[in-house]
Amino acid sequence: MRDLSQFKGCPSPRPVTLRGRTVTVEPYDRAAHPQALWDALGGMGTNERLRYFSAPDFGGVEDFAALLEGVQQGKASWVTHVFRDNATGRIVGMASYMRADLANGAIEVGGVAHGEAMARSPLSTEAHYLMAKHVFEDLGYLRYEWKCHSRNEASRAAAARYGFSFEGIFRQHMISRGKLRDTAWFSMIDLDWPLLDAAFKAWLAPENFDADGKQKRRLEDIRRELGKEQTA
């Protein structure tokens, strides 16, 4: 076991701009982003895309903006960021740092929403790589969590693909939309990060994509190969 007797805790997450090759993660701005996010997530179709959020269906963009404003001040202390496609300049999704446990060096990424423009592209992978890298390398956290509704198969698949380890189902973890919700828990820890970082970098490298922008090697395969090299 590591000696953490000198561990002094971690700083609170703050709005930050993280620039990658394909995407930029930038702080959510109440004055500038609600309509762009609403449109990116499908307008009224946002209700279907966010059906696993605990918030009730939105009547329009103002309801959506009110939710984002409220969670910044709530107990979970969301620090929301939006994702901007570097090629088009458009907002394409969002995610938030939340539930920071400063004393124990743990923090969660949640409120994740990807617009259609992020599908089948490097955008989502690079955005979450940048957010994880900031957590481990800039803020010094020991644990980074991803939680989702147990029935949210897309979210569970994304967490596993990014390298979060599945830790189990917390039964009746919370009440969401008037119903009991079982929650799937995932995490990555600081000891995982060197391998995950190397795999992300290899997958995101331009040479991993063909002329049509299709990946040559899957992220999971790269991570597995690197893991075998480390244990050889």
Protein backbone atom coordinates (compact mmCIF):
# COMPACT_ATOMS: atom_id res chain seq x y z
CA MET A 1 0.00 0.00 0.00
CA ARG A 2 1.20 3.51 -0.76
CA ASP A 3 2.04 5.85 2.06
CA LEU A 4 -0.32 8.80 1.66
CA SER A 5 0.32 10.31 5.07
CA GLN A 6 1.64 13.45 3.37
CA PHE A 7 -1.27 13.72 0.91
CA LYS A 8 -2.78 17.18 1.37
CA GLY A 9 -5.89 16.75 -0.73
CA CYS A 10 -6.74 18.21 -4.13
CA PRO A 11 -7.92 21.61 -5.32
CA SER A 12 -11.49 22.22 -6.33
CA PRO A 13 -12.05 21.92 -10.07
CA ARG A 14 -12.45 25.26 -11.79
CA PRO A 15 -13.52 26.26 -15.28
CA VAL A 16 -10.65 25.59 -17.65
CA THR A 17 -9.96 25.60 -21.39
CA LEU A 18 -8.36 22.42 -22.72
CA ARG A 19 -7.35 22.44 -26.38
CA GLY A 20 -6.85 19.28 -28.42
CA ARG A 21 -6.26 18.57 -32.09
CA THR A 22 -9.93 18.00 -32.96
CA VAL A 23 -11.86 19.49 -30.05
CA THR A 24 -11.64 22.20 -27.42
CA VAL A 25 -13.14 21.80 -23.95
CA GLU A 26 -14.20 25.22 -22.68
CA PRO A 27 -16.11 26.58 -19.65
CA TYR A 28 -19.87 26.75 -19.95
CA ASP A 29 -21.07 30.33 -20.39
CA ARG A 30 -24.70 31.03 -19.47
CA ALA A 31 -24.77 34.00 -21.82
CA ALA A 32 -23.31 32.24 -24.84
CA HIS A 33 -23.87 28.47 -24.80
CA PRO A 34 -27.45 27.37 -23.98
CA GLN A 35 -28.92 27.77 -27.46
CA ALA A 36 -25.86 26.26 -29.14
CA LEU A 37 -25.96 23.26 -26.79
CA TRP A 38 -29.71 22.88 -27.19
CA ASP A 39 -29.35 22.84 -30.96
CA ALA A 40 -26.39 20.43 -30.84
CA LEU A 41 -28.40 17.98 -28.74
CA GLY A 42 -31.37 18.10 -31.10
CA GLY A 43 -33.67 20.89 -29.90
CA MET A 44 -36.79 19.28 -28.46
CA GLY A 45 -35.10 15.99 -29.30
CA THR A 46 -32.77 16.80 -26.39
CA ASN A 47 -35.41 15.26 -24.14
CA GLU A 48 -34.86 11.86 -25.76
CA ARG A 49 -31.07 12.21 -25.82
CA LEU A 50 -31.08 13.10 -22.09
CA ARG A 51 -33.74 10.61 -21.06
CA TYR A 52 -31.46 9.18 -18.36
CA PHE A 53 -30.89 12.59 -16.73
CA SER A 54 -32.83 12.97 -13.49
CA ALA A 55 -34.35 16.26 -14.67
CA PRO A 56 -37.90 16.18 -16.09
CA ASP A 57 -38.43 16.81 -19.80
CA PHE A 58 -37.66 20.33 -20.96
CA GLY A 59 -40.30 22.60 -22.46
CA GLY A 60 -37.62 24.47 -24.40
CA VAL A 61 -34.17 25.95 -24.25
CA GLU A 62 -34.97 28.14 -21.24
CA ASP A 63 -35.80 25.09 -19.13
CA PHE A 64 -32.54 23.52 -20.26
CA ALA A 65 -30.58 26.65 -19.38
CA ALA A 66 -32.28 26.81 -15.98
CA LEU A 67 -31.19 23.23 -15.23
CA LEU A 68 -27.57 24.01 -16.08
CA GLU A 69 -27.68 27.18 -14.02
CA GLY A 70 -29.16 25.34 -11.05
CA VAL A 71 -26.69 22.47 -10.95
CA GLN A 72 -23.77 24.87 -10.81
CA GLN A 73 -25.08 25.93 -7.40
CA GLY A 74 -26.33 22.56 -6.15
CA LYS A 75 -24.79 20.07 -3.73
CA ALA A 76 -23.02 18.21 -6.52
CA SER A 77 -21.27 21.48 -7.50
CA TRP A 78 -21.16 20.89 -11.24
CA VAL A 79 -18.40 22.67 -13.15
CA THR A 80 -19.83 22.38 -16.63
CA HIS A 81 -17.78 22.47 -19.82
CA VAL A 82 -18.84 22.38 -23.44
CA PHE A 83 -17.11 20.71 -26.36
CA ARG A 84 -16.31 22.76 -29.47
CA ASP A 85 -15.44 21.10 -32.78
CA ASN A 86 -12.20 22.72 -33.89
CA ALA A 87 -12.99 22.13 -37.57
CA THR A 88 -16.42 23.80 -37.60
CA GLY A 89 -16.28 26.00 -34.50
CA ARG A 90 -19.62 24.58 -33.37
CA ILE A 91 -20.61 23.42 -29.89
CA VAL A 92 -21.21 19.66 -30.05
CA GLY A 93 -21.65 18.42 -26.46
CA MET A 94 -20.94 18.87 -22.78
CA ALA A 95 -19.76 17.23 -19.55
CA SER A 96 -19.20 18.40 -15.98
CA TYR A 97 -16.76 17.84 -13.16
CA MET A 98 -18.85 17.13 -10.08
CA ARG A 99 -18.93 15.73 -6.54
CA ALA A 100 -15.31 16.54 -5.84
CA ASP A 101 -14.06 14.89 -2.66
CA LEU A 102 -11.01 17.07 -2.06
CA ALA A 103 -9.74 15.32 1.05
CA ASN A 104 -9.72 11.89 -0.59
CA GLY A 105 -8.72 12.96 -4.09
CA ALA A 106 -11.82 11.69 -5.89
CA ILE A 107 -13.95 13.44 -8.49
CA GLU A 108 -16.69 12.46 -10.96
CA VAL A 109 -17.40 13.35 -14.56
CA GLY A 110 -21.14 13.54 -15.16
CA GLY A 111 -23.88 15.38 -16.98
CA VAL A 112 -22.37 13.94 -20.15
CA ALA A 113 -24.24 14.71 -23.37
CA HIS A 114 -22.89 14.18 -26.88
CA GLY A 115 -24.57 15.68 -29.91
CA GLU A 116 -24.93 13.79 -33.18
CA ALA A 117 -21.91 15.66 -34.59
CA MET A 118 -19.70 13.81 -32.12
CA ALA A 119 -20.76 10.38 -33.33
CA ARG A 120 -18.28 8.26 -35.27
CA SER A 121 -15.51 10.82 -34.86
CA PRO A 122 -12.50 11.38 -32.55
CA LEU A 123 -14.27 14.31 -30.85
CA SER A 124 -15.76 12.50 -27.87
CA THR A 125 -12.66 10.43 -27.19
CA GLU A 126 -10.37 13.45 -27.27
CA ALA A 127 -12.73 15.54 -25.13
CA HIS A 128 -12.82 12.92 -22.39
CA TYR A 129 -9.09 12.34 -22.69
CA LEU A 130 -8.46 16.05 -22.11
CA MET A 131 -10.78 16.10 -19.09
CA ALA A 132 -9.16 13.03 -17.53
CA LYS A 133 -5.66 14.32 -18.22
CA HIS A 134 -6.51 17.58 -16.45
CA VAL A 135 -7.84 15.68 -13.42
CA PHE A 136 -4.78 13.49 -12.99
CA GLU A 137 -1.91 15.63 -14.26
CA ASP A 138 -2.96 19.18 -13.40
CA LEU A 139 -5.13 18.70 -10.30
CA GLY A 140 -3.48 15.59 -8.86
CA TYR A 141 -6.61 13.52 -8.19
CA LEU A 142 -6.29 9.85 -7.28
CA ARG A 143 -9.68 8.66 -8.56
CA TYR A 144 -11.92 9.71 -11.46
CA GLU A 145 -15.48 8.34 -11.49
CA TRP A 146 -18.15 7.78 -14.13
CA LYS A 147 -21.65 6.84 -13.01
CA CYS A 148 -24.78 6.26 -15.07
CA HIS A 149 -28.22 4.68 -15.03
CA SER A 150 -27.73 0.93 -15.12
CA ARG A 151 -29.96 0.77 -18.23
CA ASN A 152 -27.95 3.39 -20.11
CA GLU A 153 -26.06 0.98 -22.33
CA ALA A 154 -24.51 3.72 -24.48
CA SER A 155 -23.00 5.43 -21.44
CA ARG A 156 -21.74 2.15 -20.02
CA ALA A 157 -20.12 1.25 -23.34
CA ALA A 158 -18.47 4.67 -23.57
CA ALA A 159 -17.04 4.42 -20.06
CA ALA A 160 -15.57 0.99 -20.77
CA ARG A 161 -14.15 2.13 -24.11
CA TYR A 162 -12.40 5.12 -22.52
CA GLY A 163 -10.74 2.81 -19.99
CA PHE A 164 -12.92 3.25 -16.90
CA SER A 165 -13.14 0.01 -14.89
CA PHE A 166 -16.60 -1.30 -14.04
CA GLU A 167 -17.04 -1.53 -10.27
CA GLY A 168 -20.59 -2.83 -9.98
CA ILE A 169 -24.24 -1.84 -9.66
CA PHE A 170 -25.43 0.23 -6.72
CA ARG A 171 -29.02 -0.97 -6.33
CA GLN A 172 -31.70 1.61 -5.55
CA HIS A 173 -28.98 4.23 -5.47
CA MET A 174 -31.29 7.18 -6.06
CA ILE A 175 -34.75 8.32 -7.08
CA SER A 176 -34.80 9.64 -10.64
CA ARG A 177 -37.92 10.95 -12.37
CA GLY A 178 -40.06 9.46 -9.63
CA LYS A 179 -38.56 5.97 -9.94
CA LEU A 180 -35.83 4.07 -8.15
CA ARG A 181 -32.62 3.97 -10.16
CA ASP A 182 -29.85 1.40 -10.06
CA THR A 183 -26.53 3.03 -10.89
CA ALA A 184 -23.54 1.53 -12.69
CA TRP A 185 -20.23 2.72 -11.22
CA PHE A 186 -16.96 3.00 -13.13
CA SER A 187 -13.61 4.54 -12.26
CA MET A 188 -10.06 5.08 -13.36
CA ILE A 189 -7.33 5.76 -10.81
CA ASP A 190 -3.99 7.53 -10.92
CA LEU A 191 -2.14 4.20 -11.11
CA ASP A 192 -4.08 3.39 -14.29
CA TRP A 193 -3.31 6.71 -15.90
CA PRO A 194 0.12 6.13 -17.50
CA LEU A 195 -1.19 3.23 -19.58
CA LEU A 196 -4.50 4.97 -20.36
CA ASP A 197 -2.66 8.14 -21.35
CA ALA A 198 -0.37 6.24 -23.73
CA ALA A 199 -3.32 4.42 -25.30
CA PHE A 200 -5.29 7.64 -25.81
CA LYS A 201 -2.29 9.31 -27.44
CA ALA A 202 -1.71 6.38 -29.79
CA TRP A 203 -5.37 6.19 -30.78
CA LEU A 204 -5.71 9.95 -31.33
CA ALA A 205 -2.54 10.20 -33.44
CA PRO A 206 -3.29 11.27 -37.04
CA GLU A 207 -1.58 8.15 -38.38
CA ASN A 208 -4.23 5.98 -36.66
CA PHE A 209 -6.84 7.23 -39.16
CA ASP A 210 -7.12 6.52 -42.87
CA ALA A 211 -7.93 9.02 -45.61
CA ASP A 212 -11.65 8.70 -44.85
CA GLY A 213 -11.11 9.39 -41.15
CA LYS A 214 -11.76 5.80 -40.07
CA GLN A 215 -9.72 4.36 -37.20
CA LYS A 216 -7.09 1.76 -38.01
CA ARG A 217 -6.83 0.36 -34.48
CA ARG A 218 -9.46 0.39 -31.76
CA LEU A 219 -8.70 2.14 -28.48
CA GLU A 220 -9.45 -1.03 -26.54
CA ASP A 221 -6.99 -3.02 -28.66
CA ILE A 222 -4.24 -0.45 -28.25
CA ARG A 223 -4.76 -0.43 -24.48
CA ARG A 224 -4.65 -4.23 -24.36
CA GLU A 225 -1.45 -4.36 -26.43
CA LEU A 226 0.25 -1.78 -24.24
CA GLY A 227 -0.80 -3.66 -21.14
CA LYS A 228 0.77 -6.84 -22.46
CA GLU A 229 4.01 -4.98 -23.21
CA GLN A 230 4.16 -3.65 -19.67
CA THR A 231 3.75 -7.08 -18.12
CA ALA A 232 6.05 -8.92 -20.55
